[in-house]
Amino acid sequence: MSHHDNLDTVKRLYAAFGAGDPKSLFGLLDPEIEWAAPGSAPWCGEGRGLEYVQRFFQTFGAAASLRTFEPRSFFADGDKVVVLGYEEGSANATGRSWSAHFTHVFTLAGGKIAAHREYIDTQAIAEAFRS
C-alpha cells in the first residue's frame, strides 16, 4: 500500500469514529491488531485483537465523555501514519474535565490497521478521575 492509501485508511477510521459507525471502524482493523493506550484511566492498557479494541471503546464510553476530539494533522511514511490532535473530555464518575494534545501512531499492513499507540497527557486524564 502507498503512503496515500495508508493515510486514507486512517482518515476513514477517524470519520467512522466521528460518525458513530463501529462496523466501519472495526472493518478497518486487522483481526490481530495491537492496541496501546498508556495511563491509569479505566480504558488504558495494551492488548491484541478486535475484542480487546471493542472492550477499550466500551470501557471508555462507560467511564468518560468527549466534548472535543480533533485530529488536526496527518503524516504518512512507509507503513506508519502519525496523527496529531486535541481532545477535551470528562470523567463520568467525577464530572472533572481534562484537555490534552495527543499523538496517535498507526502501523498498517495489507490495507488494515495492524497497530495503534497513543501518546497523551496521562496525568491530566488521571486528575479528572481523582475524587
N, C-alpha and C. Protein backbone atom coordinates (compact mmCIF):
# COMPACT_ATOMS: atom_id res chain seq x y z
N MET A 1 0.85 -1.18 0.00
CA MET A 1 0.00 0.00 0.00
C MET A 1 0.89 1.24 0.00
N SER A 2 0.42 2.29 -0.63
CA SER A 2 1.18 3.53 -0.70
C SER A 2 0.94 4.38 0.54
N HIS A 3 1.78 5.40 0.72
CA HIS A 3 1.59 6.36 1.82
C HIS A 3 0.17 6.92 1.75
N HIS A 4 -0.24 7.26 0.53
CA HIS A 4 -1.56 7.86 0.32
C HIS A 4 -2.67 6.90 0.74
N ASP A 5 -2.57 5.63 0.37
CA ASP A 5 -3.58 4.63 0.76
C ASP A 5 -3.64 4.48 2.27
N ASN A 6 -2.47 4.42 2.92
CA ASN A 6 -2.43 4.29 4.38
C ASN A 6 -3.05 5.50 5.06
N LEU A 7 -2.75 6.68 4.54
CA LEU A 7 -3.32 7.90 5.09
C LEU A 7 -4.84 7.90 4.94
N ASP A 8 -5.33 7.49 3.78
CA ASP A 8 -6.78 7.41 3.57
C ASP A 8 -7.45 6.43 4.53
N THR A 9 -6.80 5.31 4.78
CA THR A 9 -7.36 4.32 5.71
C THR A 9 -7.51 4.91 7.10
N VAL A 10 -6.50 5.60 7.59
CA VAL A 10 -6.56 6.20 8.92
C VAL A 10 -7.61 7.31 8.96
N LYS A 11 -7.69 8.10 7.91
CA LYS A 11 -8.72 9.15 7.87
C LYS A 11 -10.12 8.54 7.89
N ARG A 12 -10.30 7.41 7.22
CA ARG A 12 -11.60 6.72 7.26
C ARG A 12 -11.90 6.22 8.67
N LEU A 13 -10.87 5.80 9.41
CA LEU A 13 -11.06 5.37 10.79
C LEU A 13 -11.62 6.52 11.63
N TYR A 14 -11.01 7.69 11.54
CA TYR A 14 -11.49 8.84 12.30
C TYR A 14 -12.89 9.26 11.86
N ALA A 15 -13.17 9.17 10.57
CA ALA A 15 -14.52 9.51 10.08
C ALA A 15 -15.55 8.55 10.65
N ALA A 16 -15.22 7.26 10.70
CA ALA A 16 -16.15 6.27 11.26
C ALA A 16 -16.37 6.53 12.74
N PHE A 17 -15.29 6.86 13.47
CA PHE A 17 -15.41 7.18 14.89
C PHE A 17 -16.32 8.38 15.08
N GLY A 18 -16.08 9.43 14.31
CA GLY A 18 -16.87 10.66 14.42
C GLY A 18 -18.33 10.46 14.07
N ALA A 19 -18.60 9.52 13.16
CA ALA A 19 -19.98 9.25 12.75
C ALA A 19 -20.66 8.23 13.66
N GLY A 20 -19.93 7.70 14.64
CA GLY A 20 -20.50 6.67 15.50
C GLY A 20 -20.82 5.40 14.73
N ASP A 21 -19.92 5.01 13.83
CA ASP A 21 -20.11 3.85 12.95
C ASP A 21 -19.11 2.75 13.30
N PRO A 22 -19.39 1.96 14.35
CA PRO A 22 -18.42 0.94 14.76
C PRO A 22 -18.18 -0.14 13.71
N LYS A 23 -19.18 -0.47 12.92
CA LYS A 23 -18.99 -1.50 11.89
C LYS A 23 -17.90 -1.08 10.91
N SER A 24 -17.96 0.16 10.43
CA SER A 24 -16.92 0.65 9.52
C SER A 24 -15.58 0.76 10.21
N LEU A 25 -15.58 1.26 11.45
CA LEU A 25 -14.34 1.42 12.20
C LEU A 25 -13.64 0.06 12.36
N PHE A 26 -14.35 -0.94 12.86
CA PHE A 26 -13.73 -2.25 13.09
C PHE A 26 -13.37 -2.95 11.80
N GLY A 27 -14.04 -2.61 10.71
CA GLY A 27 -13.71 -3.17 9.40
C GLY A 27 -12.35 -2.73 8.89
N LEU A 28 -11.81 -1.65 9.44
CA LEU A 28 -10.50 -1.13 9.03
C LEU A 28 -9.35 -1.73 9.84
N LEU A 29 -9.68 -2.50 10.87
CA LEU A 29 -8.67 -3.04 11.78
C LEU A 29 -8.31 -4.48 11.42
N ASP A 30 -7.04 -4.79 11.51
CA ASP A 30 -6.56 -6.16 11.37
C ASP A 30 -7.12 -6.98 12.54
N PRO A 31 -7.56 -8.20 12.32
CA PRO A 31 -8.10 -9.00 13.42
C PRO A 31 -7.12 -9.20 14.59
N GLU A 32 -5.83 -9.10 14.33
CA GLU A 32 -4.82 -9.27 15.38
C GLU A 32 -4.16 -7.95 15.77
N ILE A 33 -4.90 -6.85 15.62
CA ILE A 33 -4.36 -5.52 15.91
C ILE A 33 -3.76 -5.46 17.31
N GLU A 34 -2.65 -4.73 17.42
CA GLU A 34 -2.04 -4.41 18.71
C GLU A 34 -2.49 -3.00 19.07
N TRP A 35 -3.06 -2.84 20.27
CA TRP A 35 -3.64 -1.56 20.67
C TRP A 35 -3.02 -1.14 21.99
N ALA A 36 -2.49 0.08 22.07
CA ALA A 36 -1.83 0.54 23.29
C ALA A 36 -2.27 1.96 23.62
N ALA A 37 -2.75 2.13 24.84
CA ALA A 37 -3.12 3.45 25.36
C ALA A 37 -2.59 3.52 26.79
N PRO A 38 -1.52 4.29 27.03
CA PRO A 38 -0.92 4.33 28.35
C PRO A 38 -1.78 5.10 29.35
N GLY A 39 -1.49 4.90 30.61
CA GLY A 39 -2.14 5.70 31.64
C GLY A 39 -2.84 4.85 32.68
N SER A 40 -3.56 5.54 33.58
CA SER A 40 -4.25 4.86 34.67
C SER A 40 -5.76 4.95 34.56
N ALA A 41 -6.27 5.57 33.51
CA ALA A 41 -7.72 5.63 33.31
C ALA A 41 -8.27 4.22 33.08
N PRO A 42 -9.55 4.01 33.32
CA PRO A 42 -10.10 2.66 33.23
C PRO A 42 -9.89 1.95 31.89
N TRP A 43 -9.79 2.68 30.79
CA TRP A 43 -9.65 2.07 29.47
C TRP A 43 -8.20 1.83 29.06
N CYS A 44 -7.26 2.30 29.84
CA CYS A 44 -5.85 2.25 29.46
C CYS A 44 -5.26 0.84 29.57
N GLY A 45 -4.26 0.60 28.74
CA GLY A 45 -3.55 -0.66 28.76
C GLY A 45 -3.11 -1.04 27.37
N GLU A 46 -2.64 -2.26 27.25
CA GLU A 46 -2.18 -2.79 25.97
C GLU A 46 -2.82 -4.15 25.75
N GLY A 47 -3.21 -4.40 24.51
CA GLY A 47 -3.81 -5.69 24.20
C GLY A 47 -3.80 -5.95 22.71
N ARG A 48 -4.33 -7.11 22.36
CA ARG A 48 -4.32 -7.54 20.96
C ARG A 48 -5.69 -8.08 20.58
N GLY A 49 -6.08 -7.77 19.35
CA GLY A 49 -7.29 -8.34 18.77
C GLY A 49 -8.48 -7.40 18.81
N LEU A 50 -9.46 -7.72 17.96
CA LEU A 50 -10.65 -6.88 17.84
C LEU A 50 -11.47 -6.85 19.13
N GLU A 51 -11.54 -7.97 19.85
CA GLU A 51 -12.29 -7.97 21.11
C GLU A 51 -11.67 -7.02 22.12
N TYR A 52 -10.34 -6.95 22.15
CA TYR A 52 -9.68 -6.02 23.06
C TYR A 52 -10.05 -4.58 22.70
N VAL A 53 -10.02 -4.24 21.41
CA VAL A 53 -10.33 -2.87 20.99
C VAL A 53 -11.81 -2.56 21.27
N GLN A 54 -12.68 -3.52 21.07
CA GLN A 54 -14.10 -3.31 21.40
C GLN A 54 -14.27 -3.01 22.88
N ARG A 55 -13.58 -3.77 23.75
CA ARG A 55 -13.64 -3.50 25.19
C ARG A 55 -13.07 -2.12 25.52
N PHE A 56 -11.99 -1.73 24.83
CA PHE A 56 -11.40 -0.41 25.02
C PHE A 56 -12.47 0.67 24.81
N PHE A 57 -13.17 0.62 23.68
CA PHE A 57 -14.18 1.64 23.38
C PHE A 57 -15.38 1.55 24.32
N GLN A 58 -15.80 0.36 24.69
CA GLN A 58 -16.91 0.20 25.63
C GLN A 58 -16.54 0.78 26.99
N THR A 59 -15.34 0.47 27.46
CA THR A 59 -14.89 0.97 28.76
C THR A 59 -14.76 2.48 28.72
N PHE A 60 -14.19 3.01 27.65
CA PHE A 60 -14.07 4.46 27.52
C PHE A 60 -15.45 5.10 27.58
N GLY A 61 -16.39 4.58 26.79
CA GLY A 61 -17.74 5.15 26.74
C GLY A 61 -18.47 5.11 28.08
N ALA A 62 -18.20 4.10 28.88
CA ALA A 62 -18.84 3.99 30.19
C ALA A 62 -18.18 4.91 31.21
N ALA A 63 -16.91 5.21 31.03
CA ALA A 63 -16.15 5.96 32.04
C ALA A 63 -16.01 7.45 31.74
N ALA A 64 -16.11 7.83 30.47
CA ALA A 64 -15.78 9.21 30.11
C ALA A 64 -16.64 9.70 28.95
N SER A 65 -16.60 11.00 28.76
CA SER A 65 -17.29 11.64 27.64
C SER A 65 -16.32 12.61 26.98
N LEU A 66 -16.33 12.64 25.66
CA LEU A 66 -15.52 13.60 24.92
C LEU A 66 -16.40 14.76 24.46
N ARG A 67 -15.97 15.98 24.76
CA ARG A 67 -16.64 17.18 24.26
C ARG A 67 -16.01 17.61 22.94
N THR A 68 -14.70 17.42 22.86
CA THR A 68 -13.95 17.81 21.68
C THR A 68 -12.98 16.69 21.34
N PHE A 69 -12.94 16.31 20.08
CA PHE A 69 -11.96 15.34 19.61
C PHE A 69 -11.59 15.74 18.19
N GLU A 70 -10.38 16.29 18.04
CA GLU A 70 -9.97 16.88 16.78
C GLU A 70 -8.64 16.32 16.29
N PRO A 71 -8.67 15.35 15.37
CA PRO A 71 -7.42 15.00 14.70
C PRO A 71 -7.08 16.17 13.76
N ARG A 72 -5.91 16.76 13.93
CA ARG A 72 -5.60 18.01 13.23
C ARG A 72 -4.58 17.86 12.11
N SER A 73 -3.58 17.02 12.28
CA SER A 73 -2.52 16.87 11.27
C SER A 73 -2.23 15.40 11.07
N PHE A 74 -2.00 15.03 9.81
CA PHE A 74 -1.74 13.64 9.44
C PHE A 74 -0.43 13.58 8.68
N PHE A 75 0.41 12.60 9.05
CA PHE A 75 1.70 12.41 8.39
C PHE A 75 1.86 10.92 8.08
N ALA A 76 2.30 10.62 6.87
CA ALA A 76 2.49 9.22 6.48
C ALA A 76 3.92 9.01 6.01
N ASP A 77 4.50 7.87 6.42
CA ASP A 77 5.84 7.48 5.98
C ASP A 77 5.90 5.96 6.02
N GLY A 78 6.01 5.35 4.88
CA GLY A 78 6.05 3.89 4.81
C GLY A 78 4.77 3.30 5.36
N ASP A 79 4.91 2.37 6.30
CA ASP A 79 3.73 1.72 6.88
C ASP A 79 3.18 2.46 8.10
N LYS A 80 3.72 3.64 8.40
CA LYS A 80 3.30 4.42 9.58
C LYS A 80 2.49 5.64 9.18
N VAL A 81 1.46 5.91 9.98
CA VAL A 81 0.71 7.16 9.89
C VAL A 81 0.67 7.74 11.29
N VAL A 82 1.03 9.02 11.42
CA VAL A 82 1.04 9.72 12.69
C VAL A 82 -0.02 10.82 12.63
N VAL A 83 -0.80 10.90 13.69
CA VAL A 83 -1.87 11.90 13.76
C VAL A 83 -1.66 12.74 15.01
N LEU A 84 -1.65 14.05 14.84
CA LEU A 84 -1.57 14.99 15.95
C LEU A 84 -2.94 15.59 16.14
N GLY A 85 -3.39 15.67 17.38
CA GLY A 85 -4.73 16.20 17.62
C GLY A 85 -4.90 16.75 19.01
N TYR A 86 -6.14 17.07 19.30
CA TYR A 86 -6.51 17.69 20.56
C TYR A 86 -7.85 17.12 21.03
N GLU A 87 -7.98 16.94 22.34
CA GLU A 87 -9.26 16.47 22.89
C GLU A 87 -9.56 17.15 24.21
N GLU A 88 -10.85 17.23 24.50
CA GLU A 88 -11.35 17.67 25.80
C GLU A 88 -12.39 16.66 26.21
N GLY A 89 -12.27 16.19 27.45
CA GLY A 89 -13.22 15.19 27.93
C GLY A 89 -13.46 15.35 29.41
N SER A 90 -14.34 14.48 29.92
CA SER A 90 -14.60 14.50 31.35
C SER A 90 -14.85 13.08 31.85
N ALA A 91 -14.51 12.88 33.10
CA ALA A 91 -14.74 11.60 33.77
C ALA A 91 -16.19 11.56 34.23
N ASN A 92 -16.92 10.53 33.84
CA ASN A 92 -18.33 10.45 34.21
C ASN A 92 -18.52 10.37 35.73
N ALA A 93 -17.64 9.68 36.45
CA ALA A 93 -17.80 9.48 37.89
C ALA A 93 -17.58 10.76 38.69
N THR A 94 -16.70 11.64 38.22
CA THR A 94 -16.37 12.85 38.99
C THR A 94 -16.89 14.13 38.36
N GLY A 95 -17.16 14.09 37.06
CA GLY A 95 -17.55 15.31 36.35
C GLY A 95 -16.38 16.23 36.06
N ARG A 96 -15.17 15.84 36.49
CA ARG A 96 -13.99 16.67 36.27
C ARG A 96 -13.50 16.50 34.83
N SER A 97 -12.91 17.55 34.31
CA SER A 97 -12.51 17.59 32.90
C SER A 97 -11.01 17.50 32.70
N TRP A 98 -10.63 17.18 31.47
CA TRP A 98 -9.25 17.25 31.04
C TRP A 98 -9.22 17.85 29.64
N SER A 99 -8.08 18.38 29.29
CA SER A 99 -7.80 18.80 27.92
C SER A 99 -6.36 18.39 27.63
N ALA A 100 -6.13 17.88 26.43
CA ALA A 100 -4.80 17.37 26.12
C ALA A 100 -4.59 17.28 24.62
N HIS A 101 -3.37 17.50 24.21
CA HIS A 101 -2.96 17.21 22.84
C HIS A 101 -2.59 15.73 22.80
N PHE A 102 -2.84 15.09 21.68
CA PHE A 102 -2.49 13.67 21.55
C PHE A 102 -1.71 13.42 20.27
N THR A 103 -0.98 12.33 20.30
CA THR A 103 -0.32 11.79 19.12
C THR A 103 -0.73 10.33 19.01
N HIS A 104 -1.27 9.95 17.87
CA HIS A 104 -1.62 8.56 17.59
C HIS A 104 -0.68 8.06 16.50
N VAL A 105 -0.09 6.91 16.72
CA VAL A 105 0.81 6.31 15.74
C VAL A 105 0.17 4.99 15.29
N PHE A 106 -0.08 4.88 14.01
CA PHE A 106 -0.68 3.69 13.42
C PHE A 106 0.34 2.98 12.55
N THR A 107 0.31 1.65 12.57
CA THR A 107 1.08 0.83 11.65
C THR A 107 0.08 0.08 10.80
N LEU A 108 0.27 0.11 9.48
CA LEU A 108 -0.64 -0.55 8.56
C LEU A 108 0.04 -1.70 7.86
N ALA A 109 -0.75 -2.72 7.55
CA ALA A 109 -0.26 -3.89 6.82
C ALA A 109 -1.43 -4.46 6.01
N GLY A 110 -1.20 -4.68 4.74
CA GLY A 110 -2.23 -5.27 3.90
C GLY A 110 -3.52 -4.47 3.84
N GLY A 111 -3.41 -3.14 3.93
CA GLY A 111 -4.59 -2.29 3.84
C GLY A 111 -5.38 -2.17 5.13
N LYS A 112 -4.91 -2.78 6.21
CA LYS A 112 -5.60 -2.73 7.51
C LYS A 112 -4.70 -2.09 8.55
N ILE A 113 -5.30 -1.56 9.59
CA ILE A 113 -4.55 -1.00 10.70
C ILE A 113 -4.13 -2.17 11.60
N ALA A 114 -2.82 -2.37 11.70
CA ALA A 114 -2.28 -3.51 12.44
C ALA A 114 -1.83 -3.14 13.85
N ALA A 115 -1.61 -1.84 14.10
CA ALA A 115 -1.19 -1.40 15.44
C ALA A 115 -1.56 0.06 15.64
N HIS A 116 -1.85 0.38 16.89
CA HIS A 116 -2.16 1.75 17.30
C HIS A 116 -1.49 1.99 18.65
N ARG A 117 -0.83 3.12 18.77
CA ARG A 117 -0.24 3.54 20.05
C ARG A 117 -0.57 5.00 20.24
N GLU A 118 -1.06 5.32 21.45
CA GLU A 118 -1.44 6.68 21.78
C GLU A 118 -0.41 7.30 22.72
N TYR A 119 -0.12 8.58 22.51
CA TYR A 119 0.71 9.38 23.40
C TYR A 119 -0.13 10.60 23.79
N ILE A 120 -0.34 10.77 25.11
CA ILE A 120 -1.22 11.84 25.58
C ILE A 120 -0.80 12.21 27.01
N ASP A 121 -1.29 13.32 27.50
CA ASP A 121 -1.01 13.74 28.87
C ASP A 121 -1.82 12.88 29.83
N THR A 122 -1.24 11.75 30.23
CA THR A 122 -1.95 10.81 31.09
C THR A 122 -2.23 11.39 32.48
N GLN A 123 -1.39 12.30 32.94
CA GLN A 123 -1.63 12.90 34.25
C GLN A 123 -2.88 13.77 34.23
N ALA A 124 -3.11 14.51 33.16
CA ALA A 124 -4.31 15.34 33.07
C ALA A 124 -5.57 14.47 33.13
N ILE A 125 -5.53 13.33 32.48
CA ILE A 125 -6.68 12.43 32.49
C ILE A 125 -6.84 11.81 33.88
N ALA A 126 -5.73 11.38 34.48
CA ALA A 126 -5.80 10.79 35.83
C ALA A 126 -6.37 11.78 36.84
N GLU A 127 -5.99 13.05 36.72
CA GLU A 127 -6.52 14.09 37.62
C GLU A 127 -8.03 14.21 37.50
N ALA A 128 -8.56 14.04 36.30
CA ALA A 128 -10.01 14.13 36.11
C ALA A 128 -10.75 13.01 36.82
N PHE A 129 -10.09 11.88 37.04
CA PHE A 129 -10.72 10.75 37.72
C PHE A 129 -10.54 10.77 39.22
N ARG A 130 -9.70 11.66 39.73
CA ARG A 130 -9.49 11.75 41.18
C ARG A 130 -10.68 12.40 41.84
N SER A 131 -11.10 11.83 42.95
CA SER A 131 -12.23 12.41 43.72
C SER A 131 -11.81 13.64 44.47
